[in-house]
Amino acid sequence: MSRKQTLALVAHDAKKSMLIDWARPRVDVLAKFDLYATGTTGGRLHDDLGLTVIRMKSGPLGGDAQLGAMIAEGRLDGLIFFTDPLSALPHDVDVKSLLRLAVYYDIPLAMSPASAAAILGLLAT
């Protein structure tokens, strides 16, 4: 029996609404995945869209590192991460580490609505 695809959804504070707006018309497709998200993002996906999401810690408190560990262990099939390139982040090192792991392990990575739509289409087939 094959396992469900896993997908992580993450968004910086200034991009959370953008992620929700992107996800809203795709709820039926996203519901077919085992979804993971960092703290507040996971809460918004559940509260606003009714998605079942396994919530990690908040990004600055270790959530980015938890997702990075999932990538290194081969337990994450894709990462959608709407970053805010114009804001300084105290946990920038963790963000860079997560992105580096996604690239190193060749995990499909999207950082904008357009690339997220492409990644979702790729993984959902």
PDB file of N, CA and C in Angstrom:
ATOM      1  N   MET A   1       0.843  -1.170   0.000  1.00  0.00           N
ATOM      2  CA  MET A   1       0.000   0.000   0.000  1.00  0.00           C
ATOM      3  C   MET A   1       0.894   1.239   0.000  1.00  0.00           C
ATOM      4  N   SER A   2       0.602   2.200  -0.845  1.00  0.00           N
ATOM      5  CA  SER A   2       1.406   3.411  -0.882  1.00  0.00           C
ATOM      6  C   SER A   2       0.887   4.414   0.143  1.00  0.00           C
ATOM      7  N   ARG A   3       1.802   5.231   0.626  1.00  0.00           N
ATOM      8  CA  ARG A   3       1.428   6.208   1.632  1.00  0.00           C
ATOM      9  C   ARG A   3       0.927   7.483   0.960  1.00  0.00           C
ATOM     10  N   LYS A   4       0.210   8.292   1.725  1.00  0.00           N
ATOM     11  CA  LYS A   4      -0.227   9.582   1.214  1.00  0.00           C
ATOM     12  C   LYS A   4       0.984  10.490   1.046  1.00  0.00           C
ATOM     13  N   GLN A   5       0.922  11.365   0.074  1.00  0.00           N
ATOM     14  CA  GLN A   5       1.963  12.372  -0.107  1.00  0.00           C
ATOM     15  C   GLN A   5       1.923  13.339   1.076  1.00  0.00           C
ATOM     16  N   THR A   6       3.091  13.835   1.450  1.00  0.00           N
ATOM     17  CA  THR A   6       3.181  14.805   2.534  1.00  0.00           C
ATOM     18  C   THR A   6       3.609  16.153   1.988  1.00  0.00           C
ATOM     19  N   LEU A   7       3.020  17.204   2.532  1.00  0.00           N
ATOM     20  CA  LEU A   7       3.300  18.549   2.064  1.00  0.00           C
ATOM     21  C   LEU A   7       3.347  19.481   3.263  1.00  0.00           C
ATOM     22  N   ALA A   8       4.378  20.314   3.324  1.00  0.00           N
ATOM     23  CA  ALA A   8       4.477  21.321   4.375  1.00  0.00           C
ATOM     24  C   ALA A   8       4.098  22.677   3.808  1.00  0.00           C
ATOM     25  N   LEU A   9       3.328  23.411   4.581  1.00  0.00           N
ATOM     26  CA  LEU A   9       2.900  24.763   4.219  1.00  0.00           C
ATOM     27  C   LEU A   9       3.367  25.713   5.317  1.00  0.00           C
ATOM     28  N   VAL A  10       4.133  26.716   4.918  1.00  0.00           N
ATOM     29  CA  VAL A  10       4.700  27.670   5.874  1.00  0.00           C
ATOM     30  C   VAL A  10       4.554  29.063   5.282  1.00  0.00           C
ATOM     31  N   ALA A  11       4.306  30.052   6.134  1.00  0.00           N
ATOM     32  CA  ALA A  11       4.249  31.435   5.663  1.00  0.00           C
ATOM     33  C   ALA A  11       4.687  32.368   6.781  1.00  0.00           C
ATOM     34  N   HIS A  12       5.523  33.308   6.419  1.00  0.00           N
ATOM     35  CA  HIS A  12       5.887  34.348   7.371  1.00  0.00           C
ATOM     36  C   HIS A  12       4.652  35.194   7.671  1.00  0.00           C
ATOM     37  N   ASP A  13       4.679  35.919   8.785  1.00  0.00           N
ATOM     38  CA  ASP A  13       3.500  36.668   9.233  1.00  0.00           C
ATOM     39  C   ASP A  13       2.891  37.539   8.142  1.00  0.00           C
ATOM     40  N   ALA A  14       3.718  38.269   7.410  1.00  0.00           N
ATOM     41  CA  ALA A  14       3.205  39.175   6.378  1.00  0.00           C
ATOM     42  C   ALA A  14       2.661  38.433   5.155  1.00  0.00           C
ATOM     43  N   LYS A  15       2.864  37.119   5.089  1.00  0.00           N
ATOM     44  CA  LYS A  15       2.437  36.332   3.930  1.00  0.00           C
ATOM     45  C   LYS A  15       1.373  35.285   4.265  1.00  0.00           C
ATOM     46  N   LYS A  16       0.949  35.224   5.523  1.00  0.00           N
ATOM     47  CA  LYS A  16      -0.040  34.212   5.906  1.00  0.00           C
ATOM     48  C   LYS A  16      -1.359  34.375   5.147  1.00  0.00           C
ATOM     49  N   SER A  17      -1.837  35.592   5.019  1.00  0.00           N
ATOM     50  CA  SER A  17      -3.092  35.803   4.284  1.00  0.00           C
ATOM     51  C   SER A  17      -2.944  35.424   2.819  1.00  0.00           C
ATOM     52  N   MET A  18      -1.773  35.671   2.250  1.00  0.00           N
ATOM     53  CA  MET A  18      -1.517  35.278   0.864  1.00  0.00           C
ATOM     54  C   MET A  18      -1.599  33.761   0.727  1.00  0.00           C
ATOM     55  N   LEU A  19      -1.038  33.042   1.684  1.00  0.00           N
ATOM     56  CA  LEU A  19      -1.089  31.577   1.638  1.00  0.00           C
ATOM     57  C   LEU A  19      -2.522  31.087   1.761  1.00  0.00           C
ATOM     58  N   ILE A  20      -3.291  31.675   2.668  1.00  0.00           N
ATOM     59  CA  ILE A  20      -4.696  31.283   2.831  1.00  0.00           C
ATOM     60  C   ILE A  20      -5.464  31.553   1.534  1.00  0.00           C
ATOM     61  N   ASP A  21      -5.261  32.724   0.943  1.00  0.00           N
ATOM     62  CA  ASP A  21      -5.943  33.062  -0.315  1.00  0.00           C
ATOM     63  C   ASP A  21      -5.543  32.097  -1.434  1.00  0.00           C
ATOM     64  N   TRP A  22      -4.270  31.697  -1.456  1.00  0.00           N
ATOM     65  CA  TRP A  22      -3.812  30.737  -2.464  1.00  0.00           C
ATOM     66  C   TRP A  22      -4.452  29.362  -2.228  1.00  0.00           C
ATOM     67  N   ALA A  23      -4.526  28.954  -0.969  1.00  0.00           N
ATOM     68  CA  ALA A  23      -5.014  27.618  -0.629  1.00  0.00           C
ATOM     69  C   ALA A  23      -6.536  27.476  -0.767  1.00  0.00           C
ATOM     70  N   ARG A  24      -7.265  28.547  -0.556  1.00  0.00           N
ATOM     71  CA  ARG A  24      -8.737  28.473  -0.531  1.00  0.00           C
ATOM     72  C   ARG A  24      -9.323  27.743  -1.744  1.00  0.00           C
ATOM     73  N   PRO A  25      -8.986  28.097  -2.979  1.00  0.00           N
ATOM     74  CA  PRO A  25      -9.588  27.371  -4.110  1.00  0.00           C
ATOM     75  C   PRO A  25      -8.991  25.975  -4.340  1.00  0.00           C
ATOM     76  N   ARG A  26      -8.006  25.613  -3.518  1.00  0.00           N
ATOM     77  CA  ARG A  26      -7.321  24.325  -3.689  1.00  0.00           C
ATOM     78  C   ARG A  26      -7.546  23.381  -2.503  1.00  0.00           C
ATOM     79  N   VAL A  27      -8.526  23.696  -1.682  1.00  0.00           N
ATOM     80  CA  VAL A  27      -8.765  22.912  -0.455  1.00  0.00           C
ATOM     81  C   VAL A  27      -8.967  21.437  -0.772  1.00  0.00           C
ATOM     82  N   ASP A  28      -9.747  21.128  -1.796  1.00  0.00           N
ATOM     83  CA  ASP A  28     -10.020  19.720  -2.109  1.00  0.00           C
ATOM     84  C   ASP A  28      -8.747  18.970  -2.490  1.00  0.00           C
ATOM     85  N   VAL A  29      -7.858  19.605  -3.211  1.00  0.00           N
ATOM     86  CA  VAL A  29      -6.593  18.964  -3.590  1.00  0.00           C
ATOM     87  C   VAL A  29      -5.688  18.848  -2.367  1.00  0.00           C
ATOM     88  N   LEU A  30      -5.580  19.922  -1.586  1.00  0.00           N
ATOM     89  CA  LEU A  30      -4.714  19.903  -0.399  1.00  0.00           C
ATOM     90  C   LEU A  30      -5.169  18.848   0.614  1.00  0.00           C
ATOM     91  N   ALA A  31      -6.473  18.611   0.702  1.00  0.00           N
ATOM     92  CA  ALA A  31      -7.008  17.645   1.667  1.00  0.00           C
ATOM     93  C   ALA A  31      -6.566  16.219   1.354  1.00  0.00           C
ATOM     94  N   LYS A  32      -6.075  15.972   0.165  1.00  0.00           N
ATOM     95  CA  LYS A  32      -5.603  14.631  -0.196  1.00  0.00           C
ATOM     96  C   LYS A  32      -4.200  14.339   0.329  1.00  0.00           C
ATOM     97  N   PHE A  33      -3.533  15.363   0.867  1.00  0.00           N
ATOM     98  CA  PHE A  33      -2.179  15.226   1.395  1.00  0.00           C
ATOM     99  C   PHE A  33      -2.209  15.108   2.916  1.00  0.00           C
ATOM    100  N   ASP A  34      -1.157  14.531   3.478  1.00  0.00           N
ATOM    101  CA  ASP A  34      -0.886  14.712   4.892  1.00  0.00           C
ATOM    102  C   ASP A  34      -0.193  16.055   4.983  1.00  0.00           C
ATOM    103  N   LEU A  35      -0.853  17.025   5.593  1.00  0.00           N
ATOM    104  CA  LEU A  35      -0.343  18.386   5.641  1.00  0.00           C
ATOM    105  C   LEU A  35       0.361  18.666   6.962  1.00  0.00           C
ATOM    106  N   TYR A  36       1.479  19.361   6.859  1.00  0.00           N
ATOM    107  CA  TYR A  36       2.245  19.818   8.013  1.00  0.00           C
ATOM    108  C   TYR A  36       2.419  21.318   7.876  1.00  0.00           C
ATOM    109  N   ALA A  37       2.478  22.007   9.000  1.00  0.00           N
ATOM    110  CA  ALA A  37       2.690  23.448   8.968  1.00  0.00           C
ATOM    111  C   ALA A  37       3.294  23.892  10.292  1.00  0.00           C
ATOM    112  N   THR A  38       3.954  25.029  10.248  1.00  0.00           N
ATOM    113  CA  THR A  38       4.422  25.614  11.489  1.00  0.00           C
ATOM    114  C   THR A  38       3.227  26.223  12.218  1.00  0.00           C
ATOM    115  N   GLY A  39       3.415  26.498  13.500  1.00  0.00           N
ATOM    116  CA  GLY A  39       2.372  26.897  14.443  1.00  0.00           C
ATOM    117  C   GLY A  39       1.190  27.697  13.947  1.00  0.00           C
ATOM    118  N   THR A  40       1.370  29.003  13.800  1.00  0.00           N
ATOM    119  CA  THR A  40       0.262  29.877  13.448  1.00  0.00           C
ATOM    120  C   THR A  40      -0.261  29.591  12.049  1.00  0.00           C
ATOM    121  N   THR A  41       0.622  29.287  11.130  1.00  0.00           N
ATOM    122  CA  THR A  41       0.181  28.966   9.767  1.00  0.00           C
ATOM    123  C   THR A  41      -0.749  27.763   9.782  1.00  0.00           C
ATOM    124  N   GLY A  42      -0.388  26.737  10.528  1.00  0.00           N
ATOM    125  CA  GLY A  42      -1.243  25.556  10.637  1.00  0.00           C
ATOM    126  C   GLY A  42      -2.589  25.883  11.251  1.00  0.00           C
ATOM    127  N   GLY A  43      -2.580  26.744  12.258  1.00  0.00           N
ATOM    128  CA  GLY A  43      -3.830  27.166  12.880  1.00  0.00           C
ATOM    129  C   GLY A  43      -4.731  27.901  11.911  1.00  0.00           C
ATOM    130  N   ARG A  44      -4.154  28.773  11.117  1.00  0.00           N
ATOM    131  CA  ARG A  44      -4.943  29.516  10.120  1.00  0.00           C
ATOM    132  C   ARG A  44      -5.508  28.576   9.059  1.00  0.00           C
ATOM    133  N   LEU A  45      -4.690  27.626   8.576  1.00  0.00           N
ATOM    134  CA  LEU A  45      -5.173  26.687   7.564  1.00  0.00           C
ATOM    135  C   LEU A  45      -6.348  25.872   8.090  1.00  0.00           C
ATOM    136  N   HIS A  46      -6.287  25.499   9.341  1.00  0.00           N
ATOM    137  CA  HIS A  46      -7.375  24.734   9.945  1.00  0.00           C
ATOM    138  C   HIS A  46      -8.595  25.622  10.208  1.00  0.00           C
ATOM    139  N   ASP A  47      -8.377  26.746  10.889  1.00  0.00           N
ATOM    140  CA  ASP A  47      -9.496  27.609  11.281  1.00  0.00           C
ATOM    141  C   ASP A  47     -10.182  28.264  10.087  1.00  0.00           C
ATOM    142  N   ASP A  48      -9.397  28.748   9.128  1.00  0.00           N
ATOM    143  CA  ASP A  48      -9.973  29.475   7.995  1.00  0.00           C
ATOM    144  C   ASP A  48     -10.506  28.554   6.894  1.00  0.00           C
ATOM    145  N   LEU A  49      -9.855  27.376   6.722  1.00  0.00           N
ATOM    146  CA  LEU A  49     -10.195  26.524   5.578  1.00  0.00           C
ATOM    147  C   LEU A  49     -10.684  25.133   5.960  1.00  0.00           C
ATOM    148  N   GLY A  50     -10.603  24.783   7.234  1.00  0.00           N
ATOM    149  CA  GLY A  50     -11.069  23.478   7.673  1.00  0.00           C
ATOM    150  C   GLY A  50     -10.140  22.326   7.339  1.00  0.00           C
ATOM    151  N   LEU A  51      -8.914  22.629   6.970  1.00  0.00           N
ATOM    152  CA  LEU A  51      -7.956  21.568   6.628  1.00  0.00           C
ATOM    153  C   LEU A  51      -7.409  20.893   7.882  1.00  0.00           C
ATOM    154  N   THR A  52      -7.174  19.606   7.773  1.00  0.00           N
ATOM    155  CA  THR A  52      -6.511  18.867   8.837  1.00  0.00           C
ATOM    156  C   THR A  52      -5.014  19.048   8.649  1.00  0.00           C
ATOM    157  N   VAL A  53      -4.370  19.626   9.651  1.00  0.00           N
ATOM    158  CA  VAL A  53      -2.961  19.972   9.557  1.00  0.00           C
ATOM    159  C   VAL A  53      -2.244  19.514  10.822  1.00  0.00           C
ATOM    160  N   ILE A  54      -1.124  18.854  10.641  1.00  0.00           N
ATOM    161  CA  ILE A  54      -0.263  18.503  11.771  1.00  0.00           C
ATOM    162  C   ILE A  54       0.618  19.713  12.025  1.00  0.00           C
ATOM    163  N   ARG A  55       0.472  20.301  13.195  1.00  0.00           N
ATOM    164  CA  ARG A  55       1.173  21.547  13.494  1.00  0.00           C
ATOM    165  C   ARG A  55       2.488  21.285  14.204  1.00  0.00           C
ATOM    166  N   MET A  56       3.521  21.887  13.657  1.00  0.00           N
ATOM    167  CA  MET A  56       4.832  21.891  14.289  1.00  0.00           C
ATOM    168  C   MET A  56       4.883  23.089  15.240  1.00  0.00           C
ATOM    169  N   LYS A  57       6.000  23.283  15.881  1.00  0.00           N
ATOM    170  CA  LYS A  57       6.191  24.477  16.691  1.00  0.00           C
ATOM    171  C   LYS A  57       6.218  25.696  15.768  1.00  0.00           C
ATOM    172  N   SER A  58       6.102  26.857  16.352  1.00  0.00           N
ATOM    173  CA  SER A  58       6.277  28.098  15.600  1.00  0.00           C
ATOM    174  C   SER A  58       7.666  28.090  14.972  1.00  0.00           C
ATOM    175  N   GLY A  59       7.803  28.714  13.804  1.00  0.00           N
ATOM    176  CA  GLY A  59       9.095  28.741  13.116  1.00  0.00           C
ATOM    177  C   GLY A  59      10.255  29.175  13.998  1.00  0.00           C
ATOM    178  N   PRO A  60      10.149  30.313  14.673  1.00  0.00           N
ATOM    179  CA  PRO A  60      11.258  30.777  15.513  1.00  0.00           C
ATOM    180  C   PRO A  60      11.535  29.877  16.718  1.00  0.00           C
ATOM    181  N   LEU A  61      10.564  29.052  17.088  1.00  0.00           N
ATOM    182  CA  LEU A  61      10.732  28.181  18.259  1.00  0.00           C
ATOM    183  C   LEU A  61      11.099  26.749  17.882  1.00  0.00           C
ATOM    184  N   GLY A  62      11.458  26.524  16.614  1.00  0.00           N
ATOM    185  CA  GLY A  62      11.919  25.205  16.207  1.00  0.00           C
ATOM    186  C   GLY A  62      11.110  24.536  15.118  1.00  0.00           C
ATOM    187  N   GLY A  63      10.009  25.146  14.689  1.00  0.00           N
ATOM    188  CA  GLY A  63       9.177  24.530  13.658  1.00  0.00           C
ATOM    189  C   GLY A  63       9.892  24.354  12.328  1.00  0.00           C
ATOM    190  N   ASP A  64      10.686  25.351  11.941  1.00  0.00           N
ATOM    191  CA  ASP A  64      11.453  25.222  10.695  1.00  0.00           C
ATOM    192  C   ASP A  64      12.434  24.060  10.807  1.00  0.00           C
ATOM    193  N   ALA A  65      13.058  23.918  11.975  1.00  0.00           N
ATOM    194  CA  ALA A  65      14.012  22.820  12.198  1.00  0.00           C
ATOM    195  C   ALA A  65      13.295  21.470  12.176  1.00  0.00           C
ATOM    196  N   GLN A  66      12.084  21.404  12.722  1.00  0.00           N
ATOM    197  CA  GLN A  66      11.325  20.157  12.688  1.00  0.00           C
ATOM    198  C   GLN A  66      11.030  19.741  11.253  1.00  0.00           C
ATOM    199  N   LEU A  67      10.642  20.696  10.421  1.00  0.00           N
ATOM    200  CA  LEU A  67      10.373  20.380   9.021  1.00  0.00           C
ATOM    201  C   LEU A  67      11.654  19.992   8.306  1.00  0.00           C
ATOM    202  N   GLY A  68      12.757  20.651   8.632  1.00  0.00           N
ATOM    203  CA  GLY A  68      14.044  20.277   8.053  1.00  0.00           C
ATOM    204  C   GLY A  68      14.417  18.850   8.393  1.00  0.00           C
ATOM    205  N   ALA A  69      14.157  18.442   9.628  1.00  0.00           N
ATOM    206  CA  ALA A  69      14.434  17.061  10.034  1.00  0.00           C
ATOM    207  C   ALA A  69      13.570  16.088   9.236  1.00  0.00           C
ATOM    208  N   MET A  70      12.317  16.443   8.986  1.00  0.00           N
ATOM    209  CA  MET A  70      11.448  15.584   8.185  1.00  0.00           C
ATOM    210  C   MET A  70      12.002  15.417   6.777  1.00  0.00           C
ATOM    211  N   ILE A  71      12.533  16.493   6.213  1.00  0.00           N
ATOM    212  CA  ILE A  71      13.136  16.406   4.885  1.00  0.00           C
ATOM    213  C   ILE A  71      14.327  15.462   4.919  1.00  0.00           C
ATOM    214  N   ALA A  72      15.208  15.646   5.894  1.00  0.00           N
ATOM    215  CA  ALA A  72      16.416  14.818   5.997  1.00  0.00           C
ATOM    216  C   ALA A  72      16.071  13.345   6.210  1.00  0.00           C
ATOM    217  N   GLU A  73      14.948  13.070   6.852  1.00  0.00           N
ATOM    218  CA  GLU A  73      14.520  11.696   7.114  1.00  0.00           C
ATOM    219  C   GLU A  73      13.689  11.120   5.964  1.00  0.00           C
ATOM    220  N   GLY A  74      13.475  11.880   4.908  1.00  0.00           N
ATOM    221  CA  GLY A  74      12.702  11.396   3.766  1.00  0.00           C
ATOM    222  C   GLY A  74      11.207  11.331   4.022  1.00  0.00           C
ATOM    223  N   ARG A  75      10.702  12.155   4.941  1.00  0.00           N
ATOM    224  CA  ARG A  75       9.279  12.105   5.301  1.00  0.00           C
ATOM    225  C   ARG A  75       8.462  13.270   4.770  1.00  0.00           C
ATOM    226  N   LEU A  76       9.068  14.100   3.926  1.00  0.00           N
ATOM    227  CA  LEU A  76       8.347  15.246   3.382  1.00  0.00           C
ATOM    228  C   LEU A  76       8.530  15.263   1.869  1.00  0.00           C
ATOM    229  N   ASP A  77       7.415  15.327   1.144  1.00  0.00           N
ATOM    230  CA  ASP A  77       7.467  15.261  -0.318  1.00  0.00           C
ATOM    231  C   ASP A  77       7.515  16.627  -0.985  1.00  0.00           C
ATOM    232  N   GLY A  78       7.119  17.669  -0.285  1.00  0.00           N
ATOM    233  CA  GLY A  78       7.125  19.004  -0.876  1.00  0.00           C
ATOM    234  C   GLY A  78       7.026  20.068   0.192  1.00  0.00           C
ATOM    235  N   LEU A  79       7.505  21.265  -0.145  1.00  0.00           N
ATOM    236  CA  LEU A  79       7.502  22.396   0.782  1.00  0.00           C
ATOM    237  C   LEU A  79       7.019  23.636   0.054  1.00  0.00           C
ATOM    238  N   ILE A  80       5.970  24.230   0.586  1.00  0.00           N
ATOM    239  CA  ILE A  80       5.489  25.519   0.112  1.00  0.00           C
ATOM    240  C   ILE A  80       5.746  26.511   1.237  1.00  0.00           C
ATOM    241  N   PHE A  81       6.574  27.513   0.960  1.00  0.00           N
ATOM    242  CA  PHE A  81       7.032  28.434   1.995  1.00  0.00           C
ATOM    243  C   PHE A  81       6.967  29.847   1.446  1.00  0.00           C
ATOM    244  N   PHE A  82       5.918  30.578   1.820  1.00  0.00           N
ATOM    245  CA  PHE A  82       5.772  31.958   1.381  1.00  0.00           C
ATOM    246  C   PHE A  82       6.580  32.834   2.337  1.00  0.00           C
ATOM    247  N   THR A  83       7.735  33.251   1.875  1.00  0.00           N
ATOM    248  CA  THR A  83       8.619  34.065   2.706  1.00  0.00           C
ATOM    249  C   THR A  83       8.354  35.541   2.467  1.00  0.00           C
ATOM    250  N   ASP A  84       8.765  36.328   3.434  1.00  0.00           N
ATOM    251  CA  ASP A  84       8.682  37.776   3.314  1.00  0.00           C
ATOM    252  C   ASP A  84      10.094  38.307   3.111  1.00  0.00           C
ATOM    253  N   PRO A  85      10.487  38.548   1.866  1.00  0.00           N
ATOM    254  CA  PRO A  85      11.874  38.939   1.592  1.00  0.00           C
ATOM    255  C   PRO A  85      12.222  40.346   2.068  1.00  0.00           C
ATOM    256  N   LEU A  86      11.242  41.130   2.479  1.00  0.00           N
ATOM    257  CA  LEU A  86      11.499  42.508   2.881  1.00  0.00           C
ATOM    258  C   LEU A  86      11.543  42.712   4.383  1.00  0.00           C
ATOM    259  N   SER A  87      11.359  41.659   5.156  1.00  0.00           N
ATOM    260  CA  SER A  87      11.383  41.775   6.611  1.00  0.00           C
ATOM    261  C   SER A  87      12.580  41.040   7.191  1.00  0.00           C
ATOM    262  N   ALA A  88      13.221  41.690   8.141  1.00  0.00           N
ATOM    263  CA  ALA A  88      14.303  41.023   8.874  1.00  0.00           C
ATOM    264  C   ALA A  88      13.669  40.032   9.838  1.00  0.00           C
ATOM    265  N   LEU A  89      14.242  38.836   9.906  1.00  0.00           N
ATOM    266  CA  LEU A  89      13.685  37.794  10.760  1.00  0.00           C
ATOM    267  C   LEU A  89      14.736  37.341  11.768  1.00  0.00           C
ATOM    268  N   PRO A  90      14.362  37.256  13.029  1.00  0.00           N
ATOM    269  CA  PRO A  90      15.341  36.821  14.029  1.00  0.00           C
ATOM    270  C   PRO A  90      15.783  35.375  13.842  1.00  0.00           C
ATOM    271  N   HIS A  91      14.974  34.587  13.186  1.00  0.00           N
ATOM    272  CA  HIS A  91      15.310  33.173  12.975  1.00  0.00           C
ATOM    273  C   HIS A  91      15.704  32.898  11.523  1.00  0.00           C
ATOM    274  N   ASP A  92      16.313  33.880  10.882  1.00  0.00           N
ATOM    275  CA  ASP A  92      16.712  33.759   9.491  1.00  0.00           C
ATOM    276  C   ASP A  92      17.619  32.556   9.242  1.00  0.00           C
ATOM    277  N   VAL A  93      18.446  32.215  10.217  1.00  0.00           N
ATOM    278  CA  VAL A  93      19.340  31.062  10.077  1.00  0.00           C
ATOM    279  C   VAL A  93      18.525  29.772   9.922  1.00  0.00           C
ATOM    280  N   ASP A  94      17.445  29.649  10.680  1.00  0.00           N
ATOM    281  CA  ASP A  94      16.588  28.463  10.585  1.00  0.00           C
ATOM    282  C   ASP A  94      15.894  28.392   9.223  1.00  0.00           C
ATOM    283  N   VAL A  95      15.441  29.533   8.741  1.00  0.00           N
ATOM    284  CA  VAL A  95      14.782  29.583   7.435  1.00  0.00           C
ATOM    285  C   VAL A  95      15.764  29.138   6.351  1.00  0.00           C
ATOM    286  N   LYS A  96      16.969  29.684   6.383  1.00  0.00           N
ATOM    287  CA  LYS A  96      17.977  29.312   5.384  1.00  0.00           C
ATOM    288  C   LYS A  96      18.320  27.832   5.473  1.00  0.00           C
ATOM    289  N   SER A  97      18.382  27.301   6.669  1.00  0.00           N
ATOM    290  CA  SER A  97      18.670  25.878   6.841  1.00  0.00           C
ATOM    291  C   SER A  97      17.575  25.023   6.217  1.00  0.00           C
ATOM    292  N   LEU A  98      16.316  25.373   6.462  1.00  0.00           N
ATOM    293  CA  LEU A  98      15.194  24.627   5.891  1.00  0.00           C
ATOM    294  C   LEU A  98      15.234  24.665   4.368  1.00  0.00           C
ATOM    295  N   LEU A  99      15.465  25.834   3.811  1.00  0.00           N
ATOM    296  CA  LEU A  99      15.523  25.952   2.351  1.00  0.00           C
ATOM    297  C   LEU A  99      16.716  25.191   1.789  1.00  0.00           C
ATOM    298  N   ARG A 100      17.839  25.244   2.471  1.00  0.00           N
ATOM    299  CA  ARG A 100      19.033  24.517   2.026  1.00  0.00           C
ATOM    300  C   ARG A 100      18.770  23.015   2.009  1.00  0.00           C
ATOM    301  N   LEU A 101      18.107  22.497   3.036  1.00  0.00           N
ATOM    302  CA  LEU A 101      17.796  21.066   3.079  1.00  0.00           C
ATOM    303  C   LEU A 101      16.846  20.669   1.950  1.00  0.00           C
ATOM    304  N   ALA A 102      15.859  21.518   1.679  1.00  0.00           N
ATOM    305  CA  ALA A 102      14.932  21.217   0.577  1.00  0.00           C
ATOM    306  C   ALA A 102      15.682  21.128  -0.745  1.00  0.00           C
ATOM    307  N   VAL A 103      16.613  22.032  -0.964  1.00  0.00           N
ATOM    308  CA  VAL A 103      17.397  22.009  -2.200  1.00  0.00           C
ATOM    309  C   VAL A 103      18.326  20.800  -2.206  1.00  0.00           C
ATOM    310  N   TYR A 104      19.023  20.560  -1.096  1.00  0.00           N
ATOM    311  CA  TYR A 104      19.986  19.459  -1.028  1.00  0.00           C
ATOM    312  C   TYR A 104      19.312  18.106  -1.297  1.00  0.00           C
ATOM    313  N   TYR A 105      18.151  17.892  -0.678  1.00  0.00           N
ATOM    314  CA  TYR A 105      17.455  16.615  -0.828  1.00  0.00           C
ATOM    315  C   TYR A 105      16.490  16.602  -2.021  1.00  0.00           C
ATOM    316  N   ASP A 106      16.554  17.631  -2.846  1.00  0.00           N
ATOM    317  CA  ASP A 106      15.766  17.707  -4.071  1.00  0.00           C
ATOM    318  C   ASP A 106      14.261  17.574  -3.805  1.00  0.00           C
ATOM    319  N   ILE A 107      13.796  18.292  -2.806  1.00  0.00           N
ATOM    320  CA  ILE A 107      12.377  18.323  -2.469  1.00  0.00           C
ATOM    321  C   ILE A 107      11.736  19.457  -3.262  1.00  0.00           C
ATOM    322  N   PRO A 108      10.635  19.222  -3.936  1.00  0.00           N
ATOM    323  CA  PRO A 108       9.962  20.318  -4.627  1.00  0.00           C
ATOM    324  C   PRO A 108       9.673  21.456  -3.642  1.00  0.00           C
ATOM    325  N   LEU A 109      10.090  22.664  -4.025  1.00  0.00           N
ATOM    326  CA  LEU A 109      10.031  23.839  -3.156  1.00  0.00           C
ATOM    327  C   LEU A 109       9.380  24.983  -3.911  1.00  0.00           C
ATOM    328  N   ALA A 110       8.382  25.602  -3.298  1.00  0.00           N
ATOM    329  CA  ALA A 110       7.708  26.759  -3.883  1.00  0.00           C
ATOM    330  C   ALA A 110       7.746  27.898  -2.882  1.00  0.00           C
ATOM    331  N   MET A 111       7.994  29.096  -3.398  1.00  0.00           N
ATOM    332  CA  MET A 111       8.071  30.259  -2.517  1.00  0.00           C
ATOM    333  C   MET A 111       7.171  31.406  -2.974  1.00  0.00           C
ATOM    334  N   SER A 112       6.295  31.132  -3.921  1.00  0.00           N
ATOM    335  CA  SER A 112       5.361  32.142  -4.418  1.00  0.00           C
ATOM    336  C   SER A 112       4.080  31.424  -4.848  1.00  0.00           C
ATOM    337  N   PRO A 113       2.985  32.160  -4.983  1.00  0.00           N
ATOM    338  CA  PRO A 113       1.742  31.504  -5.422  1.00  0.00           C
ATOM    339  C   PRO A 113       1.875  30.778  -6.763  1.00  0.00           C
ATOM    340  N   ALA A 114       2.563  31.355  -7.712  1.00  0.00           N
ATOM    341  CA  ALA A 114       2.700  30.705  -9.024  1.00  0.00           C
ATOM    342  C   ALA A 114       3.492  29.412  -8.921  1.00  0.00           C
ATOM    343  N   SER A 115       4.609  29.445  -8.197  1.00  0.00           N
ATOM    344  CA  SER A 115       5.402  28.219  -8.082  1.00  0.00           C
ATOM    345  C   SER A 115       4.682  27.197  -7.199  1.00  0.00           C
ATOM    346  N   ALA A 116       3.908  27.662  -6.214  1.00  0.00           N
ATOM    347  CA  ALA A 116       3.147  26.738  -5.376  1.00  0.00           C
ATOM    348  C   ALA A 116       2.100  25.993  -6.198  1.00  0.00           C
ATOM    349  N   ALA A 117       1.452  26.683  -7.115  1.00  0.00           N
ATOM    350  CA  ALA A 117       0.462  26.026  -7.979  1.00  0.00           C
ATOM    351  C   ALA A 117       1.139  24.962  -8.831  1.00  0.00           C
ATOM    352  N   ALA A 118       2.327  25.252  -9.325  1.00  0.00           N
ATOM    353  CA  ALA A 118       3.056  24.276 -10.148  1.00  0.00           C
ATOM    354  C   ALA A 118       3.463  23.065  -9.327  1.00  0.00           C
ATOM    355  N   ILE A 119       3.970  23.302  -8.124  1.00  0.00           N
ATOM    356  CA  ILE A 119       4.392  22.208  -7.243  1.00  0.00           C
ATOM    357  C   ILE A 119       3.195  21.343  -6.852  1.00  0.00           C
ATOM    358  N   LEU A 120       2.074  21.978  -6.507  1.00  0.00           N
ATOM    359  CA  LEU A 120       0.888  21.211  -6.135  1.00  0.00           C
ATOM    360  C   LEU A 120       0.426  20.351  -7.306  1.00  0.00           C
ATOM    361  N   GLY A 121       0.455  20.911  -8.504  1.00  0.00           N
ATOM    362  CA  GLY A 121       0.083  20.133  -9.688  1.00  0.00           C
ATOM    363  C   GLY A 121       1.010  18.955  -9.905  1.00  0.00           C
ATOM    364  N   LEU A 122       2.286  19.148  -9.678  1.00  0.00           N
ATOM    365  CA  LEU A 122       3.271  18.084  -9.821  1.00  0.00           C
ATOM    366  C   LEU A 122       3.037  16.966  -8.807  1.00  0.00           C
ATOM    367  N   LEU A 123       2.827  17.345  -7.561  1.00  0.00           N
ATOM    368  CA  LEU A 123       2.670  16.346  -6.498  1.00  0.00           C
ATOM    369  C   LEU A 123       1.312  15.663  -6.525  1.00  0.00           C
ATOM    370  N   ALA A 124       0.301  16.341  -7.004  1.00  0.00           N
ATOM    371  CA  ALA A 124      -1.057  15.791  -6.976  1.00  0.00           C
ATOM    372  C   ALA A 124      -1.321  14.800  -8.092  1.00  0.00           C
ATOM    373  N   THR A 125      -0.390  14.655  -9.024  1.00  0.00           N
ATOM    374  CA  THR A 125      -0.631  13.728 -10.142  1.00  0.00           C
ATOM    375  C   THR A 125      -0.271  12.316  -9.783  1.00  0.00           C
TER     376      THR A 125
END
